[in-house]
């Protein structure tokens, strides 16, 4: 989940997206309002979205690239993307592989876009989409080789700084880490032996405090982090489950 990076987006085809079940998005975009999809490019993928969901930012392709590298060494199994939004992070991670991807988001508008974007990029046969909460994602019997998570990570008192973004897509609770903690909890329940979680948060303080505590409680430890101007990525695994970075020497922080 990222808010601040400007991107060049344009209107897609003139057709509008039909009514979608679910709550209203930004002001003026109610359930029945005609909405023109917009197009963003994330890595080599063409991703459609509209202002009712969070705009895909190009920098998050770094999470996808790290995930794709990890997948070359992780055990067989599908990939789970929590808080998937338009689906771009997970789609880019599995593009060019035979891995199945399950996209999970609580927003039905986001779910529709994730499914449409899978079809648009020739990945429909690999992708399934579920509209459910982070906690609900742990109730299925599937074991995942990799969990990707891009939860809302803005503290509730700061969401007004980002008026163009839907509040539900960025509000991470009092300190911005509430949903990141939920993602750690769910990942601990669904990861296959040897699996990994790649989590995006807003800053290192969230990793060092609430996320580290949640990891300790649920048996996941951070083995590497990568720091970018607009967010932080962390790799979490069960102790002793494998190398930190999918093949290279792991550990430590990398600035990007």
Foldseek 3Di string as FASTA:
>chain_A
DFFPDDFDKDFDPPAWDAFDDDAAAAPPGGRGDTWTWMWDQAPNFIATDTLSAGDDDNVLCVLLVLLLLQVVQFDDFAEEEELCQLVVSVLSNCVPHQHAYEYEEQGRRSQVNVCVSCVVVVNNVRYDYDNDHLLVVLVDPAAGQEYEYEQAQDDLVCPVVRSSHGCRRHHLYHRRCNVVLSNLQSNLRRHDQLHKYKYKHADVVSCVPPVQVSCVVSQKHWWEKEAEPTIIITMIDHPPSDARRNPDHIHDYHYD
